[in-house]
Amino acid sequence: MRELAAAGWQSDERFAGAFAASKTERGYGPLRIIAELKECGIDAETIAVSIRTGDPCWEERMLQARVRHFGTRVPADRKERARQARYLVNRGFIPERVRRALDTDD
């Protein structure tokens, strides 16, 4: 592995950046991306840089993920709001921001 890194064929920074960009494009939030990068053995500093590199607007990404999965209709009741909130939290978005976003749709 060290030989690959020394030859420039393997880079945790490149991997983390590409991984974060791919997951962001697929509608995942920062908490999920961070957790998955940790599982891959990427160090905290590299993760922080990879999450900041694309600097996406996470709230906008969260709303796009919601619309893609549930459509443009706002949650009609508490049960539907809870279902949408669970989906977004499981995708890795910050629970407080999810609650705020769903509460402003009223």
PDB file of N, CA and C in Angstrom:
ATOM      1  N   MET A   1       0.823  -1.185   0.000  1.00  0.00           N
ATOM      2  CA  MET A   1       0.000   0.000   0.000  1.00  0.00           C
ATOM      3  C   MET A   1       0.871   1.254   0.000  1.00  0.00           C
ATOM      4  N   ARG A   2       1.944   1.243   0.782  1.00  0.00           N
ATOM      5  CA  ARG A   2       2.833   2.409   0.832  1.00  0.00           C
ATOM      6  C   ARG A   2       3.510   2.635  -0.512  1.00  0.00           C
ATOM      7  N   GLU A   3       3.802   1.536  -1.200  1.00  0.00           N
ATOM      8  CA  GLU A   3       4.423   1.663  -2.516  1.00  0.00           C
ATOM      9  C   GLU A   3       3.475   2.361  -3.490  1.00  0.00           C
ATOM     10  N   LEU A   4       2.204   2.013  -3.405  1.00  0.00           N
ATOM     11  CA  LEU A   4       1.202   2.648  -4.273  1.00  0.00           C
ATOM     12  C   LEU A   4       1.097   4.133  -3.975  1.00  0.00           C
ATOM     13  N   ALA A   5       1.057   4.481  -2.688  1.00  0.00           N
ATOM     14  CA  ALA A   5       0.981   5.891  -2.300  1.00  0.00           C
ATOM     15  C   ALA A   5       2.232   6.642  -2.733  1.00  0.00           C
ATOM     16  N   ALA A   6       3.389   6.020  -2.553  1.00  0.00           N
ATOM     17  CA  ALA A   6       4.652   6.660  -2.941  1.00  0.00           C
ATOM     18  C   ALA A   6       4.714   6.889  -4.448  1.00  0.00           C
ATOM     19  N   ALA A   7       4.148   5.978  -5.209  1.00  0.00           N
ATOM     20  CA  ALA A   7       4.143   6.115  -6.663  1.00  0.00           C
ATOM     21  C   ALA A   7       3.047   7.067  -7.147  1.00  0.00           C
ATOM     22  N   GLY A   8       2.192   7.542  -6.235  1.00  0.00           N
ATOM     23  CA  GLY A   8       1.120   8.458  -6.613  1.00  0.00           C
ATOM     24  C   GLY A   8      -0.106   7.766  -7.177  1.00  0.00           C
ATOM     25  N   TRP A   9      -0.187   6.456  -7.014  1.00  0.00           N
ATOM     26  CA  TRP A   9      -1.325   5.704  -7.533  1.00  0.00           C
ATOM     27  C   TRP A   9      -2.460   5.602  -6.535  1.00  0.00           C
ATOM     28  N   GLN A  10      -2.161   5.839  -5.297  1.00  0.00           N
ATOM     29  CA  GLN A  10      -3.168   5.752  -4.250  1.00  0.00           C
ATOM     30  C   GLN A  10      -3.068   7.001  -3.396  1.00  0.00           C
ATOM     31  N   SER A  11      -4.211   7.654  -3.172  1.00  0.00           N
ATOM     32  CA  SER A  11      -4.232   8.868  -2.368  1.00  0.00           C
ATOM     33  C   SER A  11      -5.532   8.919  -1.585  1.00  0.00           C
ATOM     34  N   ASP A  12      -5.422   8.954  -0.270  1.00  0.00           N
ATOM     35  CA  ASP A  12      -6.616   9.066   0.563  1.00  0.00           C
ATOM     36  C   ASP A  12      -7.353  10.372   0.280  1.00  0.00           C
ATOM     37  N   GLU A  13      -6.605  11.428   0.004  1.00  0.00           N
ATOM     38  CA  GLU A  13      -7.225  12.727  -0.269  1.00  0.00           C
ATOM     39  C   GLU A  13      -8.065  12.685  -1.545  1.00  0.00           C
ATOM     40  N   ARG A  14      -7.498  12.105  -2.604  1.00  0.00           N
ATOM     41  CA  ARG A  14      -8.254  11.990  -3.861  1.00  0.00           C
ATOM     42  C   ARG A  14      -9.467  11.092  -3.681  1.00  0.00           C
ATOM     43  N   PHE A  15      -9.269   9.969  -3.006  1.00  0.00           N
ATOM     44  CA  PHE A  15     -10.381   9.056  -2.774  1.00  0.00           C
ATOM     45  C   PHE A  15     -11.489   9.745  -1.995  1.00  0.00           C
ATOM     46  N   ALA A  16     -11.134  10.408  -0.885  1.00  0.00           N
ATOM     47  CA  ALA A  16     -12.138  11.055  -0.033  1.00  0.00           C
ATOM     48  C   ALA A  16     -12.880  12.149  -0.791  1.00  0.00           C
ATOM     49  N   GLY A  17     -12.161  12.932  -1.582  1.00  0.00           N
ATOM     50  CA  GLY A  17     -12.801  13.991  -2.358  1.00  0.00           C
ATOM     51  C   GLY A  17     -13.773  13.444  -3.390  1.00  0.00           C
ATOM     52  N   ALA A  18     -13.351  12.426  -4.110  1.00  0.00           N
ATOM     53  CA  ALA A  18     -14.216  11.821  -5.126  1.00  0.00           C
ATOM     54  C   ALA A  18     -15.415  11.129  -4.478  1.00  0.00           C
ATOM     55  N   PHE A  19     -15.172  10.450  -3.360  1.00  0.00           N
ATOM     56  CA  PHE A  19     -16.242   9.755  -2.642  1.00  0.00           C
ATOM     57  C   PHE A  19     -17.284  10.754  -2.150  1.00  0.00           C
ATOM     58  N   ALA A  20     -16.812  11.846  -1.521  1.00  0.00           N
ATOM     59  CA  ALA A  20     -17.726  12.865  -0.996  1.00  0.00           C
ATOM     60  C   ALA A  20     -18.522  13.519  -2.120  1.00  0.00           C
ATOM     61  N   ALA A  21     -17.876  13.823  -3.224  1.00  0.00           N
ATOM     62  CA  ALA A  21     -18.579  14.439  -4.350  1.00  0.00           C
ATOM     63  C   ALA A  21     -19.643  13.506  -4.918  1.00  0.00           C
ATOM     64  N   SER A  22     -19.295  12.231  -5.052  1.00  0.00           N
ATOM     65  CA  SER A  22     -20.237  11.251  -5.576  1.00  0.00           C
ATOM     66  C   SER A  22     -21.451  11.098  -4.668  1.00  0.00           C
ATOM     67  N   LYS A  23     -21.209  10.955  -3.381  1.00  0.00           N
ATOM     68  CA  LYS A  23     -22.311  10.787  -2.429  1.00  0.00           C
ATOM     69  C   LYS A  23     -23.175  12.042  -2.358  1.00  0.00           C
ATOM     70  N   THR A  24     -22.547  13.214  -2.432  1.00  0.00           N
ATOM     71  CA  THR A  24     -23.300  14.468  -2.408  1.00  0.00           C
ATOM     72  C   THR A  24     -24.225  14.545  -3.617  1.00  0.00           C
ATOM     73  N   GLU A  25     -23.715  14.205  -4.776  1.00  0.00           N
ATOM     74  CA  GLU A  25     -24.526  14.224  -6.001  1.00  0.00           C
ATOM     75  C   GLU A  25     -25.683  13.232  -5.930  1.00  0.00           C
ATOM     76  N   ARG A  26     -25.500  12.150  -5.190  1.00  0.00           N
ATOM     77  CA  ARG A  26     -26.540  11.126  -5.083  1.00  0.00           C
ATOM     78  C   ARG A  26     -27.531  11.423  -3.963  1.00  0.00           C
ATOM     79  N   GLY A  27     -27.405  12.588  -3.324  1.00  0.00           N
ATOM     80  CA  GLY A  27     -28.404  13.018  -2.353  1.00  0.00           C
ATOM     81  C   GLY A  27     -28.128  12.647  -0.910  1.00  0.00           C
ATOM     82  N   TYR A  28     -26.883  12.352  -0.579  1.00  0.00           N
ATOM     83  CA  TYR A  28     -26.541  12.029   0.803  1.00  0.00           C
ATOM     84  C   TYR A  28     -26.033  13.272   1.514  1.00  0.00           C
ATOM     85  N   GLY A  29     -26.249  13.300   2.825  1.00  0.00           N
ATOM     86  CA  GLY A  29     -25.845  14.436   3.634  1.00  0.00           C
ATOM     87  C   GLY A  29     -24.486  14.242   4.274  1.00  0.00           C
ATOM     88  N   PRO A  30     -24.002  15.286   4.936  1.00  0.00           N
ATOM     89  CA  PRO A  30     -22.641  15.268   5.480  1.00  0.00           C
ATOM     90  C   PRO A  30     -22.412  14.213   6.554  1.00  0.00           C
ATOM     91  N   LEU A  31     -23.383  13.966   7.409  1.00  0.00           N
ATOM     92  CA  LEU A  31     -23.177  12.991   8.485  1.00  0.00           C
ATOM     93  C   LEU A  31     -22.976  11.584   7.936  1.00  0.00           C
ATOM     94  N   ARG A  32     -23.719  11.223   6.927  1.00  0.00           N
ATOM     95  CA  ARG A  32     -23.588   9.902   6.311  1.00  0.00           C
ATOM     96  C   ARG A  32     -22.249   9.766   5.589  1.00  0.00           C
ATOM     97  N   ILE A  33     -21.862  10.820   4.879  1.00  0.00           N
ATOM     98  CA  ILE A  33     -20.597  10.794   4.143  1.00  0.00           C
ATOM     99  C   ILE A  33     -19.429  10.662   5.114  1.00  0.00           C
ATOM    100  N   ILE A  34     -19.468  11.420   6.188  1.00  0.00           N
ATOM    101  CA  ILE A  34     -18.410  11.355   7.200  1.00  0.00           C
ATOM    102  C   ILE A  34     -18.321   9.953   7.784  1.00  0.00           C
ATOM    103  N   ALA A  35     -19.461   9.374   8.139  1.00  0.00           N
ATOM    104  CA  ALA A  35     -19.471   8.036   8.729  1.00  0.00           C
ATOM    105  C   ALA A  35     -18.897   6.995   7.764  1.00  0.00           C
ATOM    106  N   GLU A  36     -19.267   7.080   6.502  1.00  0.00           N
ATOM    107  CA  GLU A  36     -18.780   6.109   5.530  1.00  0.00           C
ATOM    108  C   GLU A  36     -17.286   6.275   5.268  1.00  0.00           C
ATOM    109  N   LEU A  37     -16.800   7.505   5.256  1.00  0.00           N
ATOM    110  CA  LEU A  37     -15.362   7.719   5.080  1.00  0.00           C
ATOM    111  C   LEU A  37     -14.583   7.192   6.277  1.00  0.00           C
ATOM    112  N   LYS A  38     -15.136   7.347   7.478  1.00  0.00           N
ATOM    113  CA  LYS A  38     -14.484   6.793   8.666  1.00  0.00           C
ATOM    114  C   LYS A  38     -14.400   5.275   8.568  1.00  0.00           C
ATOM    115  N   GLU A  39     -15.463   4.652   8.066  1.00  0.00           N
ATOM    116  CA  GLU A  39     -15.468   3.198   7.890  1.00  0.00           C
ATOM    117  C   GLU A  39     -14.389   2.755   6.901  1.00  0.00           C
ATOM    118  N   CYS A  40     -14.059   3.620   5.963  1.00  0.00           N
ATOM    119  CA  CYS A  40     -13.015   3.308   4.979  1.00  0.00           C
ATOM    120  C   CYS A  40     -11.615   3.545   5.536  1.00  0.00           C
ATOM    121  N   GLY A  41     -11.527   4.052   6.764  1.00  0.00           N
ATOM    122  CA  GLY A  41     -10.232   4.269   7.383  1.00  0.00           C
ATOM    123  C   GLY A  41      -9.594   5.607   7.061  1.00  0.00           C
ATOM    124  N   ILE A  42     -10.373   6.546   6.595  1.00  0.00           N
ATOM    125  CA  ILE A  42      -9.862   7.881   6.271  1.00  0.00           C
ATOM    126  C   ILE A  42      -9.787   8.702   7.561  1.00  0.00           C
ATOM    127  N   ASP A  43      -8.690   9.439   7.739  1.00  0.00           N
ATOM    128  CA  ASP A  43      -8.509  10.217   8.969  1.00  0.00           C
ATOM    129  C   ASP A  43      -9.408  11.458   8.978  1.00  0.00           C
ATOM    130  N   ALA A  44      -9.645  11.986  10.187  1.00  0.00           N
ATOM    131  CA  ALA A  44     -10.594  13.078  10.398  1.00  0.00           C
ATOM    132  C   ALA A  44     -10.229  14.344   9.618  1.00  0.00           C
ATOM    133  N   GLU A  45      -8.955  14.662   9.541  1.00  0.00           N
ATOM    134  CA  GLU A  45      -8.533  15.874   8.829  1.00  0.00           C
ATOM    135  C   GLU A  45      -8.837  15.769   7.337  1.00  0.00           C
ATOM    136  N   THR A  46      -8.560  14.618   6.759  1.00  0.00           N
ATOM    137  CA  THR A  46      -8.840  14.403   5.337  1.00  0.00           C
ATOM    138  C   THR A  46     -10.334  14.442   5.078  1.00  0.00           C
ATOM    139  N   ILE A  47     -11.105  13.883   5.995  1.00  0.00           N
ATOM    140  CA  ILE A  47     -12.565  13.918   5.860  1.00  0.00           C
ATOM    141  C   ILE A  47     -13.056  15.353   5.886  1.00  0.00           C
ATOM    142  N   ALA A  48     -12.570  16.137   6.836  1.00  0.00           N
ATOM    143  CA  ALA A  48     -12.998  17.532   6.953  1.00  0.00           C
ATOM    144  C   ALA A  48     -12.707  18.309   5.674  1.00  0.00           C
ATOM    145  N   VAL A  49     -11.548  18.082   5.091  1.00  0.00           N
ATOM    146  CA  VAL A  49     -11.181  18.766   3.855  1.00  0.00           C
ATOM    147  C   VAL A  49     -12.087  18.311   2.714  1.00  0.00           C
ATOM    148  N   SER A  50     -12.373  17.028   2.630  1.00  0.00           N
ATOM    149  CA  SER A  50     -13.191  16.518   1.525  1.00  0.00           C
ATOM    150  C   SER A  50     -14.636  16.998   1.627  1.00  0.00           C
ATOM    151  N   ILE A  51     -15.139  17.159   2.829  1.00  0.00           N
ATOM    152  CA  ILE A  51     -16.511  17.643   3.002  1.00  0.00           C
ATOM    153  C   ILE A  51     -16.585  19.132   2.656  1.00  0.00           C
ATOM    154  N   ARG A  52     -15.566  19.898   3.009  1.00  0.00           N
ATOM    155  CA  ARG A  52     -15.540  21.330   2.718  1.00  0.00           C
ATOM    156  C   ARG A  52     -15.211  21.631   1.265  1.00  0.00           C
ATOM    157  N   THR A  53     -14.501  20.749   0.596  1.00  0.00           N
ATOM    158  CA  THR A  53     -14.004  21.025  -0.746  1.00  0.00           C
ATOM    159  C   THR A  53     -15.124  21.393  -1.701  1.00  0.00           C
ATOM    160  N   GLY A  54     -16.137  20.574  -1.778  1.00  0.00           N
ATOM    161  CA  GLY A  54     -17.258  20.876  -2.665  1.00  0.00           C
ATOM    162  C   GLY A  54     -18.117  22.003  -2.135  1.00  0.00           C
ATOM    163  N   ASP A  55     -18.099  22.205  -0.839  1.00  0.00           N
ATOM    164  CA  ASP A  55     -18.860  23.229  -0.132  1.00  0.00           C
ATOM    165  C   ASP A  55     -20.285  23.364  -0.654  1.00  0.00           C
ATOM    166  N   PRO A  56     -21.016  22.251  -0.741  1.00  0.00           N
ATOM    167  CA  PRO A  56     -22.400  22.348  -1.215  1.00  0.00           C
ATOM    168  C   PRO A  56     -23.277  23.002  -0.146  1.00  0.00           C
ATOM    169  N   CYS A  57     -24.336  23.553  -0.576  1.00  0.00           N
ATOM    170  CA  CYS A  57     -25.316  24.100   0.361  1.00  0.00           C
ATOM    171  C   CYS A  57     -26.151  22.904   0.831  1.00  0.00           C
ATOM    172  N   TRP A  58     -25.844  22.414   2.024  1.00  0.00           N
ATOM    173  CA  TRP A  58     -26.464  21.178   2.499  1.00  0.00           C
ATOM    174  C   TRP A  58     -27.978  21.285   2.628  1.00  0.00           C
ATOM    175  N   GLU A  59     -28.488  22.449   3.026  1.00  0.00           N
ATOM    176  CA  GLU A  59     -29.944  22.579   3.145  1.00  0.00           C
ATOM    177  C   GLU A  59     -30.609  22.486   1.776  1.00  0.00           C
ATOM    178  N   GLU A  60     -29.992  23.087   0.779  1.00  0.00           N
ATOM    179  CA  GLU A  60     -30.531  22.990  -0.575  1.00  0.00           C
ATOM    180  C   GLU A  60     -30.478  21.547  -1.065  1.00  0.00           C
ATOM    181  N   ARG A  61     -29.364  20.856  -0.801  1.00  0.00           N
ATOM    182  CA  ARG A  61     -29.241  19.446  -1.185  1.00  0.00           C
ATOM    183  C   ARG A  61     -30.292  18.597  -0.481  1.00  0.00           C
ATOM    184  N   MET A  62     -30.545  18.919   0.790  1.00  0.00           N
ATOM    185  CA  MET A  62     -31.538  18.177   1.556  1.00  0.00           C
ATOM    186  C   MET A  62     -32.927  18.347   0.928  1.00  0.00           C
ATOM    187  N   LEU A  63     -33.272  19.568   0.567  1.00  0.00           N
ATOM    188  CA  LEU A  63     -34.577  19.811  -0.045  1.00  0.00           C
ATOM    189  C   LEU A  63     -34.682  19.139  -1.408  1.00  0.00           C
ATOM    190  N   GLN A  64     -33.597  19.107  -2.164  1.00  0.00           N
ATOM    191  CA  GLN A  64     -33.599  18.411  -3.454  1.00  0.00           C
ATOM    192  C   GLN A  64     -33.824  16.915  -3.260  1.00  0.00           C
ATOM    193  N   ALA A  65     -33.180  16.337  -2.249  1.00  0.00           N
ATOM    194  CA  ALA A  65     -33.356  14.907  -1.964  1.00  0.00           C
ATOM    195  C   ALA A  65     -34.805  14.624  -1.574  1.00  0.00           C
ATOM    196  N   ARG A  66     -35.389  15.515  -0.796  1.00  0.00           N
ATOM    197  CA  ARG A  66     -36.777  15.346  -0.379  1.00  0.00           C
ATOM    198  C   ARG A  66     -37.721  15.403  -1.574  1.00  0.00           C
ATOM    199  N   VAL A  67     -37.542  16.392  -2.429  1.00  0.00           N
ATOM    200  CA  VAL A  67     -38.405  16.533  -3.607  1.00  0.00           C
ATOM    201  C   VAL A  67     -38.217  15.352  -4.548  1.00  0.00           C
ATOM    202  N   ARG A  68     -36.981  14.894  -4.713  1.00  0.00           N
ATOM    203  CA  ARG A  68     -36.725  13.755  -5.597  1.00  0.00           C
ATOM    204  C   ARG A  68     -37.436  12.495  -5.088  1.00  0.00           C
ATOM    205  N   HIS A  69     -37.479  12.321  -3.768  1.00  0.00           N
ATOM    206  CA  HIS A  69     -38.064  11.106  -3.213  1.00  0.00           C
ATOM    207  C   HIS A  69     -39.582  11.222  -2.970  1.00  0.00           C
ATOM    208  N   PHE A  70     -40.033  12.396  -2.525  1.00  0.00           N
ATOM    209  CA  PHE A  70     -41.433  12.548  -2.132  1.00  0.00           C
ATOM    210  C   PHE A  70     -42.254  13.447  -3.053  1.00  0.00           C
ATOM    211  N   GLY A  71     -41.626  14.116  -3.985  1.00  0.00           N
ATOM    212  CA  GLY A  71     -42.340  15.054  -4.841  1.00  0.00           C
ATOM    213  C   GLY A  71     -42.417  16.425  -4.186  1.00  0.00           C
ATOM    214  N   THR A  72     -43.142  17.318  -4.816  1.00  0.00           N
ATOM    215  CA  THR A  72     -43.181  18.704  -4.356  1.00  0.00           C
ATOM    216  C   THR A  72     -44.225  18.964  -3.277  1.00  0.00           C
ATOM    217  N   ARG A  73     -45.114  18.009  -3.057  1.00  0.00           N
ATOM    218  CA  ARG A  73     -46.155  18.224  -2.031  1.00  0.00           C
ATOM    219  C   ARG A  73     -45.534  18.261  -0.649  1.00  0.00           C
ATOM    220  N   VAL A  74     -45.986  19.207   0.142  1.00  0.00           N
ATOM    221  CA  VAL A  74     -45.504  19.311   1.521  1.00  0.00           C
ATOM    222  C   VAL A  74     -46.187  18.246   2.360  1.00  0.00           C
ATOM    223  N   PRO A  75     -45.576  17.843   3.472  1.00  0.00           N
ATOM    224  CA  PRO A  75     -46.206  16.833   4.326  1.00  0.00           C
ATOM    225  C   PRO A  75     -47.576  17.308   4.815  1.00  0.00           C
ATOM    226  N   ALA A  76     -48.576  16.447   4.675  1.00  0.00           N
ATOM    227  CA  ALA A  76     -49.944  16.826   5.022  1.00  0.00           C
ATOM    228  C   ALA A  76     -50.222  16.713   6.514  1.00  0.00           C
ATOM    229  N   ASP A  77     -49.519  15.826   7.198  1.00  0.00           N
ATOM    230  CA  ASP A  77     -49.782  15.628   8.621  1.00  0.00           C
ATOM    231  C   ASP A  77     -48.492  15.243   9.341  1.00  0.00           C
ATOM    232  N   ARG A  78     -48.599  15.042  10.636  1.00  0.00           N
ATOM    233  CA  ARG A  78     -47.420  14.719  11.450  1.00  0.00           C
ATOM    234  C   ARG A  78     -46.784  13.389  11.051  1.00  0.00           C
ATOM    235  N   LYS A  79     -47.629  12.431  10.694  1.00  0.00           N
ATOM    236  CA  LYS A  79     -47.114  11.117  10.319  1.00  0.00           C
ATOM    237  C   LYS A  79     -46.246  11.210   9.058  1.00  0.00           C
ATOM    238  N   GLU A  80     -46.737  11.952   8.066  1.00  0.00           N
ATOM    239  CA  GLU A  80     -45.968  12.117   6.825  1.00  0.00           C
ATOM    240  C   GLU A  80     -44.718  12.961   7.071  1.00  0.00           C
ATOM    241  N   ARG A  81     -44.827  13.981   7.896  1.00  0.00           N
ATOM    242  CA  ARG A  81     -43.660  14.803   8.225  1.00  0.00           C
ATOM    243  C   ARG A  81     -42.594  13.945   8.904  1.00  0.00           C
ATOM    244  N   ALA A  82     -43.015  13.078   9.817  1.00  0.00           N
ATOM    245  CA  ALA A  82     -42.079  12.192  10.514  1.00  0.00           C
ATOM    246  C   ALA A  82     -41.431  11.213   9.532  1.00  0.00           C
ATOM    247  N   ARG A  83     -42.202  10.714   8.586  1.00  0.00           N
ATOM    248  CA  ARG A  83     -41.662   9.786   7.587  1.00  0.00           C
ATOM    249  C   ARG A  83     -40.594  10.464   6.734  1.00  0.00           C
ATOM    250  N   GLN A  84     -40.882  11.682   6.305  1.00  0.00           N
ATOM    251  CA  GLN A  84     -39.915  12.412   5.495  1.00  0.00           C
ATOM    252  C   GLN A  84     -38.677  12.775   6.317  1.00  0.00           C
ATOM    253  N   ALA A  85     -38.886  13.139   7.571  1.00  0.00           N
ATOM    254  CA  ALA A  85     -37.758  13.479   8.445  1.00  0.00           C
ATOM    255  C   ALA A  85     -36.860  12.261   8.641  1.00  0.00           C
ATOM    256  N   ARG A  86     -37.449  11.094   8.889  1.00  0.00           N
ATOM    257  CA  ARG A  86     -36.651   9.864   9.050  1.00  0.00           C
ATOM    258  C   ARG A  86     -35.829   9.581   7.805  1.00  0.00           C
ATOM    259  N   TYR A  87     -36.441   9.737   6.657  1.00  0.00           N
ATOM    260  CA  TYR A  87     -35.729   9.500   5.392  1.00  0.00           C
ATOM    261  C   TYR A  87     -34.513  10.414   5.285  1.00  0.00           C
ATOM    262  N   LEU A  88     -34.707  11.694   5.548  1.00  0.00           N
ATOM    263  CA  LEU A  88     -33.611  12.662   5.402  1.00  0.00           C
ATOM    264  C   LEU A  88     -32.512  12.455   6.446  1.00  0.00           C
ATOM    265  N   VAL A  89     -32.904  12.135   7.665  1.00  0.00           N
ATOM    266  CA  VAL A  89     -31.908  11.878   8.707  1.00  0.00           C
ATOM    267  C   VAL A  89     -31.108  10.621   8.353  1.00  0.00           C
ATOM    268  N   ASN A  90     -31.779   9.593   7.855  1.00  0.00           N
ATOM    269  CA  ASN A  90     -31.077   8.370   7.441  1.00  0.00           C
ATOM    270  C   ASN A  90     -30.143   8.612   6.259  1.00  0.00           C
ATOM    271  N   ARG A  91     -30.421   9.616   5.454  1.00  0.00           N
ATOM    272  CA  ARG A  91     -29.543   9.973   4.339  1.00  0.00           C
ATOM    273  C   ARG A  91     -28.325  10.752   4.818  1.00  0.00           C
ATOM    274  N   GLY A  92     -28.347  11.185   6.090  1.00  0.00           N
ATOM    275  CA  GLY A  92     -27.170  11.849   6.638  1.00  0.00           C
ATOM    276  C   GLY A  92     -27.293  13.345   6.825  1.00  0.00           C
ATOM    277  N   PHE A  93     -28.500  13.859   6.786  1.00  0.00           N
ATOM    278  CA  PHE A  93     -28.682  15.282   7.012  1.00  0.00           C
ATOM    279  C   PHE A  93     -28.884  15.540   8.503  1.00  0.00           C
ATOM    280  N   ILE A  94     -28.526  16.721   8.942  1.00  0.00           N
ATOM    281  CA  ILE A  94     -28.548  17.074  10.357  1.00  0.00           C
ATOM    282  C   ILE A  94     -29.987  17.192  10.843  1.00  0.00           C
ATOM    283  N   PRO A  95     -30.353  16.430  11.896  1.00  0.00           N
ATOM    284  CA  PRO A  95     -31.745  16.388  12.356  1.00  0.00           C
ATOM    285  C   PRO A  95     -32.371  17.757  12.632  1.00  0.00           C
ATOM    286  N   GLU A  96     -31.654  18.651  13.259  1.00  0.00           N
ATOM    287  CA  GLU A  96     -32.208  19.976  13.554  1.00  0.00           C
ATOM    288  C   GLU A  96     -32.560  20.732  12.274  1.00  0.00           C
ATOM    289  N   ARG A  97     -31.701  20.633  11.277  1.00  0.00           N
ATOM    290  CA  ARG A  97     -31.981  21.304   9.998  1.00  0.00           C
ATOM    291  C   ARG A  97     -33.145  20.647   9.276  1.00  0.00           C
ATOM    292  N   VAL A  98     -33.257  19.334   9.415  1.00  0.00           N
ATOM    293  CA  VAL A  98     -34.390  18.623   8.805  1.00  0.00           C
ATOM    294  C   VAL A  98     -35.690  19.121   9.425  1.00  0.00           C
ATOM    295  N   ARG A  99     -35.730  19.168  10.761  1.00  0.00           N
ATOM    296  CA  ARG A  99     -36.947  19.651  11.440  1.00  0.00           C
ATOM    297  C   ARG A  99     -37.296  21.059  11.003  1.00  0.00           C
ATOM    298  N   ARG A 100     -36.301  21.942  10.979  1.00  0.00           N
ATOM    299  CA  ARG A 100     -36.546  23.326  10.570  1.00  0.00           C
ATOM    300  C   ARG A 100     -37.079  23.397   9.151  1.00  0.00           C
ATOM    301  N   ALA A 101     -36.492  22.645   8.253  1.00  0.00           N
ATOM    302  CA  ALA A 101     -36.913  22.665   6.849  1.00  0.00           C
ATOM    303  C   ALA A 101     -38.341  22.164   6.683  1.00  0.00           C
ATOM    304  N   LEU A 102     -38.682  21.108   7.391  1.00  0.00           N
ATOM    305  CA  LEU A 102     -40.040  20.567   7.277  1.00  0.00           C
ATOM    306  C   LEU A 102     -41.056  21.451   7.977  1.00  0.00           C
ATOM    307  N   ASP A 103     -40.654  22.135   9.040  1.00  0.00           N
ATOM    308  CA  ASP A 103     -41.584  23.040   9.734  1.00  0.00           C
ATOM    309  C   ASP A 103     -41.863  24.282   8.906  1.00  0.00           C
ATOM    310  N   THR A 104     -40.910  24.741   8.102  1.00  0.00           N
ATOM    311  CA  THR A 104     -41.139  25.948   7.302  1.00  0.00           C
ATOM    312  C   THR A 104     -41.989  25.665   6.084  1.00  0.00           C
ATOM    313  N   ASP A 105     -42.219  24.402   5.750  1.00  0.00           N
ATOM    314  CA  ASP A 105     -43.048  24.069   4.593  1.00  0.00           C
ATOM    315  C   ASP A 105     -44.537  24.212   4.879  1.00  0.00           C
ATOM    316  N   ASP A 106     -44.900  24.446   6.131  1.00  0.00           N
ATOM    317  CA  ASP A 106     -46.322  24.529   6.469  1.00  0.00           C
ATOM    318  C   ASP A 106     -46.967  25.601   5.711  1.00  0.00           C
TER     319      ASP A 106
END
